[in-house]
């Protein structure tokens, strides 16, 4: 293990913070509590795995020599966490969608749907074969 806070505190703290940053990004990418898009979640998982992997490499496999300090490893998790909580608060602020109202029932036989024009007045039904009633003739006018 390469962590020695007495001899190399900068390197040791870098490895620890790199691992913590990677774990935070990985957790935020795996859970779907804030409603982040799939692209942002995938980015969080990939970047988190990269930071954690580099932290594990430096902490356990690295044998000495030069190493690269990624300052983005500390800035990016802060930005991701801020984005996480911003989208979480935005998600809580939007009202829940209202359930759709039940559709109006179909009109029963003989009824007109609402808004439909009224039918013409009909005469009473006649037995089959009976002649239909005729209107009364107009009275004659004399002058």
N, C-alpha and C. Protein backbone atom coordinates (compact mmCIF):
# COMPACT_ATOMS: atom_id res chain seq x y z
N UNK A 1 0.85 -1.17 0.00
CA UNK A 1 0.00 0.00 0.00
C UNK A 1 0.90 1.23 0.00
N UNK A 2 0.58 2.20 -0.85
CA UNK A 2 1.42 3.37 -1.05
C UNK A 2 1.02 4.58 -0.21
N UNK A 3 0.06 4.45 0.68
CA UNK A 3 -0.39 5.59 1.46
C UNK A 3 0.49 5.76 2.70
N UNK A 4 1.20 6.89 2.75
CA UNK A 4 2.03 7.23 3.90
C UNK A 4 1.86 8.73 4.13
N UNK A 5 0.97 9.09 5.04
CA UNK A 5 0.65 10.50 5.27
C UNK A 5 1.82 11.25 5.91
N UNK A 6 2.77 10.53 6.53
CA UNK A 6 3.93 11.18 7.13
C UNK A 6 4.97 11.55 6.10
N UNK A 7 5.25 10.66 5.15
CA UNK A 7 6.30 10.89 4.16
C UNK A 7 5.78 11.67 2.95
N UNK A 8 4.64 11.28 2.42
CA UNK A 8 4.06 11.91 1.22
C UNK A 8 2.60 12.29 1.48
N UNK A 9 2.34 13.36 2.23
CA UNK A 9 0.94 13.69 2.53
C UNK A 9 0.15 14.13 1.29
N UNK A 10 0.76 14.86 0.37
CA UNK A 10 0.04 15.31 -0.82
C UNK A 10 -0.41 14.12 -1.65
N UNK A 11 0.49 13.19 -1.89
CA UNK A 11 0.15 12.00 -2.67
C UNK A 11 -0.92 11.18 -1.96
N UNK A 12 -0.77 11.00 -0.66
CA UNK A 12 -1.72 10.17 0.09
C UNK A 12 -3.11 10.79 0.10
N UNK A 13 -3.19 12.11 0.34
CA UNK A 13 -4.49 12.77 0.32
C UNK A 13 -5.09 12.77 -1.08
N UNK A 14 -4.25 12.89 -2.10
CA UNK A 14 -4.74 12.85 -3.48
C UNK A 14 -5.39 11.50 -3.77
N UNK A 15 -4.75 10.42 -3.34
CA UNK A 15 -5.30 9.08 -3.58
C UNK A 15 -6.62 8.91 -2.85
N UNK A 16 -6.68 9.35 -1.59
CA UNK A 16 -7.91 9.20 -0.81
C UNK A 16 -9.04 10.03 -1.42
N UNK A 17 -8.76 11.28 -1.75
CA UNK A 17 -9.80 12.14 -2.32
C UNK A 17 -10.21 11.68 -3.72
N UNK A 18 -9.27 11.13 -4.47
CA UNK A 18 -9.59 10.59 -5.78
C UNK A 18 -10.58 9.43 -5.65
N UNK A 19 -10.33 8.56 -4.69
CA UNK A 19 -11.22 7.43 -4.46
C UNK A 19 -12.60 7.91 -3.97
N UNK A 20 -12.63 8.88 -3.06
CA UNK A 20 -13.91 9.40 -2.55
C UNK A 20 -14.70 10.09 -3.67
N UNK A 21 -14.01 10.88 -4.50
CA UNK A 21 -14.68 11.55 -5.62
C UNK A 21 -15.27 10.53 -6.58
N UNK A 22 -14.50 9.50 -6.89
CA UNK A 22 -15.00 8.45 -7.78
C UNK A 22 -16.19 7.72 -7.19
N UNK A 23 -16.14 7.43 -5.90
CA UNK A 23 -17.25 6.74 -5.25
C UNK A 23 -18.51 7.61 -5.26
N UNK A 24 -18.35 8.91 -5.00
CA UNK A 24 -19.51 9.82 -5.00
C UNK A 24 -20.14 9.88 -6.39
N UNK A 25 -19.32 9.99 -7.42
CA UNK A 25 -19.86 10.05 -8.78
C UNK A 25 -20.51 8.72 -9.16
N UNK A 26 -19.92 7.63 -8.74
CA UNK A 26 -20.48 6.32 -9.05
C UNK A 26 -21.84 6.14 -8.38
N UNK A 27 -21.96 6.55 -7.14
CA UNK A 27 -23.23 6.43 -6.42
C UNK A 27 -24.30 7.31 -7.06
N UNK A 28 -23.95 8.55 -7.40
CA UNK A 28 -24.93 9.45 -8.03
C UNK A 28 -25.35 8.95 -9.41
N UNK A 29 -24.46 8.23 -10.08
CA UNK A 29 -24.82 7.69 -11.39
C UNK A 29 -25.67 6.45 -11.31
N UNK A 30 -25.49 5.67 -10.24
CA UNK A 30 -26.23 4.42 -10.13
C UNK A 30 -27.65 4.65 -9.64
N UNK A 31 -27.84 5.52 -8.64
CA UNK A 31 -29.19 5.75 -8.14
C UNK A 31 -29.91 6.72 -9.06
N UNK A 32 -31.20 6.57 -9.15
CA UNK A 32 -32.00 7.45 -10.02
C UNK A 32 -32.95 8.27 -9.17
N UNK A 33 -32.44 8.90 -8.13
CA UNK A 33 -33.30 9.66 -7.23
C UNK A 33 -33.57 11.06 -7.73
N UNK A 34 -32.69 11.62 -8.53
CA UNK A 34 -32.86 13.02 -8.92
C UNK A 34 -33.50 13.18 -10.29
N UNK A 35 -33.64 12.12 -11.02
CA UNK A 35 -34.23 12.24 -12.35
C UNK A 35 -33.26 12.72 -13.40
N UNK A 36 -31.96 12.48 -13.21
CA UNK A 36 -30.98 12.84 -14.23
C UNK A 36 -31.23 12.01 -15.47
N UNK A 37 -30.86 12.53 -16.61
CA UNK A 37 -31.04 11.78 -17.85
C UNK A 37 -30.09 10.58 -17.86
N UNK A 38 -30.38 9.64 -18.74
CA UNK A 38 -29.54 8.44 -18.83
C UNK A 38 -28.12 8.79 -19.25
N UNK A 39 -27.97 9.81 -20.07
CA UNK A 39 -26.64 10.23 -20.50
C UNK A 39 -25.81 10.76 -19.34
N UNK A 40 -26.41 11.61 -18.48
CA UNK A 40 -25.69 12.13 -17.32
C UNK A 40 -25.36 11.02 -16.34
N UNK A 41 -26.30 10.10 -16.17
CA UNK A 41 -26.03 8.99 -15.25
C UNK A 41 -24.91 8.12 -15.78
N UNK A 42 -24.89 7.85 -17.08
CA UNK A 42 -23.81 7.05 -17.66
C UNK A 42 -22.47 7.78 -17.53
N UNK A 43 -22.47 9.09 -17.75
CA UNK A 43 -21.25 9.87 -17.58
C UNK A 43 -20.74 9.79 -16.15
N UNK A 44 -21.66 9.91 -15.18
CA UNK A 44 -21.26 9.82 -13.77
C UNK A 44 -20.65 8.46 -13.45
N UNK A 45 -21.24 7.40 -13.97
CA UNK A 45 -20.72 6.05 -13.70
C UNK A 45 -19.34 5.88 -14.33
N UNK A 46 -19.18 6.30 -15.57
CA UNK A 46 -17.89 6.13 -16.26
C UNK A 46 -16.80 6.96 -15.58
N UNK A 47 -17.09 8.23 -15.29
CA UNK A 47 -16.10 9.08 -14.63
C UNK A 47 -15.80 8.57 -13.22
N UNK A 48 -16.82 8.11 -12.50
CA UNK A 48 -16.61 7.57 -11.16
C UNK A 48 -15.74 6.33 -11.18
N UNK A 49 -15.98 5.45 -12.14
CA UNK A 49 -15.13 4.26 -12.26
C UNK A 49 -13.70 4.64 -12.62
N UNK A 50 -13.55 5.64 -13.48
CA UNK A 50 -12.20 6.09 -13.86
C UNK A 50 -11.45 6.67 -12.68
N UNK A 51 -12.10 7.53 -11.91
CA UNK A 51 -11.43 8.14 -10.74
C UNK A 51 -11.11 7.09 -9.68
N UNK A 52 -12.07 6.19 -9.42
CA UNK A 52 -11.81 5.15 -8.43
C UNK A 52 -10.70 4.22 -8.89
N UNK A 53 -10.73 3.87 -10.17
CA UNK A 53 -9.69 2.99 -10.70
C UNK A 53 -8.31 3.60 -10.61
N UNK A 54 -8.21 4.89 -10.93
CA UNK A 54 -6.91 5.56 -10.85
C UNK A 54 -6.47 5.68 -9.39
N UNK A 55 -7.41 5.91 -8.48
CA UNK A 55 -7.08 5.96 -7.06
C UNK A 55 -6.59 4.62 -6.55
N UNK A 56 -7.24 3.54 -6.97
CA UNK A 56 -6.80 2.20 -6.56
C UNK A 56 -5.43 1.90 -7.15
N UNK A 57 -5.23 2.27 -8.42
CA UNK A 57 -3.92 2.05 -9.04
C UNK A 57 -2.83 2.77 -8.28
N UNK A 58 -3.04 4.07 -8.00
CA UNK A 58 -2.01 4.83 -7.29
C UNK A 58 -1.81 4.32 -5.86
N UNK A 59 -2.86 3.88 -5.22
CA UNK A 59 -2.75 3.45 -3.84
C UNK A 59 -2.16 2.07 -3.66
N UNK A 60 -2.38 1.17 -4.61
CA UNK A 60 -1.98 -0.22 -4.39
C UNK A 60 -0.99 -0.78 -5.42
N UNK A 61 -1.00 -0.28 -6.65
CA UNK A 61 -0.16 -0.87 -7.70
C UNK A 61 1.03 0.01 -8.03
N UNK A 62 0.89 1.30 -7.94
CA UNK A 62 1.92 2.27 -8.34
C UNK A 62 3.22 2.00 -7.57
N UNK A 63 4.36 1.97 -8.29
CA UNK A 63 5.65 1.66 -7.69
C UNK A 63 6.56 2.87 -7.55
N UNK A 64 6.08 4.03 -7.86
CA UNK A 64 6.91 5.24 -7.77
C UNK A 64 7.14 5.83 -9.14
N UNK A 65 7.69 7.01 -9.18
CA UNK A 65 7.91 7.70 -10.45
C UNK A 65 6.99 8.90 -10.53
N UNK A 66 6.56 9.20 -11.74
CA UNK A 66 5.69 10.36 -11.93
C UNK A 66 4.23 9.92 -11.98
N UNK A 67 3.37 10.79 -11.53
CA UNK A 67 1.93 10.56 -11.61
C UNK A 67 1.26 11.88 -11.95
N UNK A 68 0.08 11.79 -12.50
CA UNK A 68 -0.65 12.98 -12.95
C UNK A 68 -1.70 13.34 -11.91
N UNK A 69 -1.72 14.61 -11.52
CA UNK A 69 -2.74 15.10 -10.59
C UNK A 69 -3.85 15.75 -11.43
N UNK A 70 -5.02 15.13 -11.42
CA UNK A 70 -6.17 15.65 -12.14
C UNK A 70 -6.98 16.54 -11.20
N UNK A 71 -6.90 17.85 -11.40
CA UNK A 71 -7.70 18.74 -10.57
C UNK A 71 -9.18 18.62 -10.89
N UNK A 72 -9.46 18.11 -12.09
CA UNK A 72 -10.86 17.86 -12.45
C UNK A 72 -11.48 16.81 -11.55
N UNK A 73 -10.64 15.98 -10.96
CA UNK A 73 -11.15 14.95 -10.06
C UNK A 73 -11.78 15.55 -8.82
N UNK A 74 -11.50 16.80 -8.53
CA UNK A 74 -12.09 17.46 -7.36
C UNK A 74 -13.16 18.47 -7.76
N UNK A 75 -13.02 19.07 -8.92
CA UNK A 75 -14.00 20.05 -9.39
C UNK A 75 -15.23 19.35 -9.95
N UNK A 76 -15.02 18.31 -10.74
CA UNK A 76 -16.13 17.61 -11.39
C UNK A 76 -17.12 17.01 -10.40
N UNK A 77 -16.69 16.33 -9.34
CA UNK A 77 -17.68 15.80 -8.39
C UNK A 77 -18.51 16.89 -7.72
N UNK A 78 -17.90 18.04 -7.44
CA UNK A 78 -18.66 19.14 -6.84
C UNK A 78 -19.74 19.61 -7.82
N UNK A 79 -19.38 19.74 -9.09
CA UNK A 79 -20.35 20.15 -10.10
C UNK A 79 -21.46 19.11 -10.26
N UNK A 80 -21.09 17.84 -10.22
CA UNK A 80 -22.08 16.77 -10.37
C UNK A 80 -23.03 16.75 -9.17
N UNK A 81 -22.50 16.95 -7.98
CA UNK A 81 -23.34 16.96 -6.78
C UNK A 81 -24.29 18.16 -6.81
N UNK A 82 -23.79 19.32 -7.23
CA UNK A 82 -24.66 20.50 -7.35
C UNK A 82 -25.75 20.24 -8.38
N UNK A 83 -25.39 19.65 -9.52
CA UNK A 83 -26.37 19.32 -10.56
C UNK A 83 -27.39 18.31 -10.04
N UNK A 84 -26.93 17.35 -9.25
CA UNK A 84 -27.81 16.34 -8.67
C UNK A 84 -28.88 16.99 -7.80
N UNK A 85 -28.46 17.87 -6.88
CA UNK A 85 -29.42 18.49 -5.98
C UNK A 85 -30.29 19.52 -6.69
N UNK A 86 -29.77 20.17 -7.72
CA UNK A 86 -30.58 21.12 -8.48
C UNK A 86 -31.69 20.39 -9.23
N UNK A 87 -31.36 19.27 -9.86
CA UNK A 87 -32.39 18.52 -10.56
C UNK A 87 -33.35 17.85 -9.59
N UNK A 88 -32.86 17.50 -8.39
CA UNK A 88 -33.75 16.93 -7.37
C UNK A 88 -34.76 17.97 -6.91
N UNK A 89 -34.32 19.21 -6.67
CA UNK A 89 -35.25 20.25 -6.24
C UNK A 89 -36.18 20.65 -7.38
N UNK A 90 -35.70 20.64 -8.61
CA UNK A 90 -36.55 20.96 -9.76
C UNK A 90 -37.62 19.88 -9.93
N UNK A 91 -37.25 18.64 -9.67
CA UNK A 91 -38.20 17.54 -9.81
C UNK A 91 -39.28 17.64 -8.75
N UNK A 92 -38.91 18.05 -7.52
CA UNK A 92 -39.90 18.19 -6.46
C UNK A 92 -40.79 19.40 -6.69
N UNK A 93 -40.28 20.43 -7.37
CA UNK A 93 -41.04 21.66 -7.59
C UNK A 93 -42.11 21.49 -8.66
N UNK A 94 -41.91 20.60 -9.61
CA UNK A 94 -42.90 20.39 -10.65
C UNK A 94 -44.06 19.59 -10.07
N UNK A 95 -45.30 20.02 -10.35
CA UNK A 95 -46.44 19.29 -9.81
C UNK A 95 -46.56 17.92 -10.46
N UNK A 96 -47.10 17.01 -9.70
CA UNK A 96 -47.30 15.66 -10.22
C UNK A 96 -48.37 15.71 -11.31
N UNK A 97 -48.22 14.93 -12.36
CA UNK A 97 -49.23 14.95 -13.41
C UNK A 97 -50.57 14.45 -12.87
N UNK A 98 -51.62 15.16 -13.28
CA UNK A 98 -52.96 14.79 -12.83
C UNK A 98 -53.45 13.59 -13.63
N UNK A 99 -54.14 12.67 -12.98
CA UNK A 99 -54.67 11.54 -13.73
C UNK A 99 -55.73 12.02 -14.72
N UNK A 100 -55.82 11.34 -15.82
CA UNK A 100 -56.79 11.73 -16.84
C UNK A 100 -58.20 11.44 -16.34
N UNK A 101 -59.12 12.32 -16.68
CA UNK A 101 -60.51 12.14 -16.29
C UNK A 101 -61.12 11.02 -17.11
N UNK A 102 -62.11 10.37 -16.54
CA UNK A 102 -62.78 9.29 -17.26
C UNK A 102 -63.54 9.89 -18.44
N UNK A 103 -63.55 9.20 -19.56
CA UNK A 103 -64.27 9.74 -20.71
C UNK A 103 -65.78 9.72 -20.44
N UNK A 104 -66.48 10.60 -21.16
CA UNK A 104 -67.93 10.67 -21.01
C UNK A 104 -68.53 9.36 -21.49
N UNK A 105 -69.56 8.86 -20.82
CA UNK A 105 -70.16 7.59 -21.25
C UNK A 105 -70.87 7.78 -22.59
N UNK A 106 -71.01 6.68 -23.30
CA UNK A 106 -71.72 6.73 -24.57
C UNK A 106 -73.20 7.00 -24.29
N UNK A 107 -73.86 7.76 -25.18
CA UNK A 107 -75.29 8.01 -24.95
C UNK A 107 -76.08 6.72 -25.12
N UNK A 108 -77.12 6.59 -24.34
CA UNK A 108 -77.97 5.40 -24.46
C UNK A 108 -78.81 5.54 -25.73
N UNK A 109 -79.42 4.46 -26.12
CA UNK A 109 -80.24 4.47 -27.33
C UNK A 109 -81.35 5.50 -27.18
N UNK A 110 -81.52 6.33 -28.17
CA UNK A 110 -82.56 7.34 -28.14
C UNK A 110 -82.09 8.67 -27.57
N UNK A 111 -80.91 8.72 -26.98
CA UNK A 111 -80.39 9.97 -26.43
C UNK A 111 -79.39 10.56 -27.41
N UNK A 112 -79.33 11.86 -27.39
CA UNK A 112 -78.35 12.55 -28.22
C UNK A 112 -77.14 12.89 -27.36
N UNK A 113 -75.95 12.77 -27.91
CA UNK A 113 -74.79 13.20 -27.13
C UNK A 113 -74.83 14.70 -26.87
N UNK A 114 -74.16 15.11 -25.82
CA UNK A 114 -74.16 16.53 -25.46
C UNK A 114 -73.57 17.34 -26.60
N UNK A 115 -74.23 18.42 -26.93
CA UNK A 115 -73.74 19.29 -27.98
C UNK A 115 -74.24 18.91 -29.36
N UNK A 116 -74.90 17.75 -29.49
CA UNK A 116 -75.42 17.34 -30.79
C UNK A 116 -76.74 18.06 -31.04
N UNK A 117 -77.05 18.37 -32.30
CA UNK A 117 -78.32 19.05 -32.58
C UNK A 117 -79.50 18.15 -32.22
N UNK A 118 -80.58 18.77 -31.79
CA UNK A 118 -81.77 18.01 -31.42
C UNK A 118 -82.39 17.40 -32.67
N UNK A 119 -82.96 16.22 -32.56
CA UNK A 119 -83.56 15.59 -33.75
C UNK A 119 -84.89 16.26 -34.08
N UNK A 120 -85.35 16.02 -35.29
CA UNK A 120 -86.66 16.53 -35.69
C UNK A 120 -87.72 15.82 -34.87
N UNK A 121 -88.82 16.53 -34.57
CA UNK A 121 -89.86 15.84 -33.80
C UNK A 121 -90.42 14.69 -34.62
N UNK A 122 -90.64 13.59 -33.96
CA UNK A 122 -91.13 12.39 -34.65
C UNK A 122 -92.54 12.08 -34.15
N UNK A 123 -93.30 11.51 -35.02
CA UNK A 123 -94.65 11.09 -34.64
C UNK A 123 -94.54 9.81 -33.83
N UNK A 124 -95.61 9.48 -33.18
CA UNK A 124 -95.63 8.24 -32.40
C UNK A 124 -95.45 7.07 -33.35
N UNK A 125 -94.81 6.02 -32.89
CA UNK A 125 -94.61 4.87 -33.78
C UNK A 125 -95.95 4.25 -34.19
N UNK A 126 -96.03 3.81 -35.43
CA UNK A 126 -97.24 3.21 -35.99
C UNK A 126 -96.99 1.73 -36.20
N UNK A 127 -98.06 0.94 -36.10
CA UNK A 127 -97.89 -0.49 -36.38
C UNK A 127 -97.50 -0.69 -37.84
N UNK A 128 -96.92 -1.85 -38.13
CA UNK A 128 -96.44 -2.12 -39.48
C UNK A 128 -97.60 -2.17 -40.46
N UNK A 129 -97.39 -1.53 -41.57
CA UNK A 129 -98.39 -1.53 -42.62
C UNK A 129 -99.40 -0.41 -42.48
N UNK A 130 -99.46 0.25 -41.35
CA UNK A 130 -100.43 1.33 -41.17
C UNK A 130 -99.88 2.57 -41.85
N UNK A 131 -100.76 3.35 -42.47
CA UNK A 131 -100.27 4.57 -43.12
C UNK A 131 -99.82 5.58 -42.08
N UNK A 132 -98.84 6.34 -42.45
CA UNK A 132 -98.33 7.37 -41.55
C UNK A 132 -99.35 8.49 -41.46
N UNK A 133 -99.49 9.12 -40.32
CA UNK A 133 -100.45 10.21 -40.20
C UNK A 133 -100.04 11.38 -41.08
N UNK A 134 -101.05 12.02 -41.66
CA UNK A 134 -100.82 13.15 -42.55
C UNK A 134 -101.15 14.43 -41.79
N UNK A 135 -100.44 15.51 -42.10
CA UNK A 135 -100.76 16.76 -41.43
C UNK A 135 -102.16 17.23 -41.82
N UNK A 136 -102.81 17.94 -40.94
CA UNK A 136 -104.17 18.43 -41.21
C UNK A 136 -104.10 19.49 -42.29
N UNK A 137 -105.12 19.53 -43.19
CA UNK A 137 -105.09 20.54 -44.23
C UNK A 137 -105.31 21.93 -43.63
N UNK A 138 -104.76 22.90 -44.28
CA UNK A 138 -104.89 24.28 -43.81
C UNK A 138 -106.33 24.74 -44.05
N UNK A 139 -106.90 25.54 -43.15
CA UNK A 139 -108.28 26.02 -43.37
C UNK A 139 -108.35 26.95 -44.59
N UNK A 140 -109.51 26.96 -45.23
CA UNK A 140 -109.68 27.80 -46.40
C UNK A 140 -109.94 29.21 -45.97
N UNK A 141 -109.37 30.11 -46.73
CA UNK A 141 -109.56 31.52 -46.41
C UNK A 141 -110.52 32.12 -47.43
N UNK A 142 -111.47 32.88 -46.95
CA UNK A 142 -112.41 33.56 -47.85
C UNK A 142 -112.21 35.05 -47.74
N UNK A 143 -112.33 35.72 -48.85
CA UNK A 143 -112.14 37.16 -48.87
C UNK A 143 -113.38 37.84 -49.37
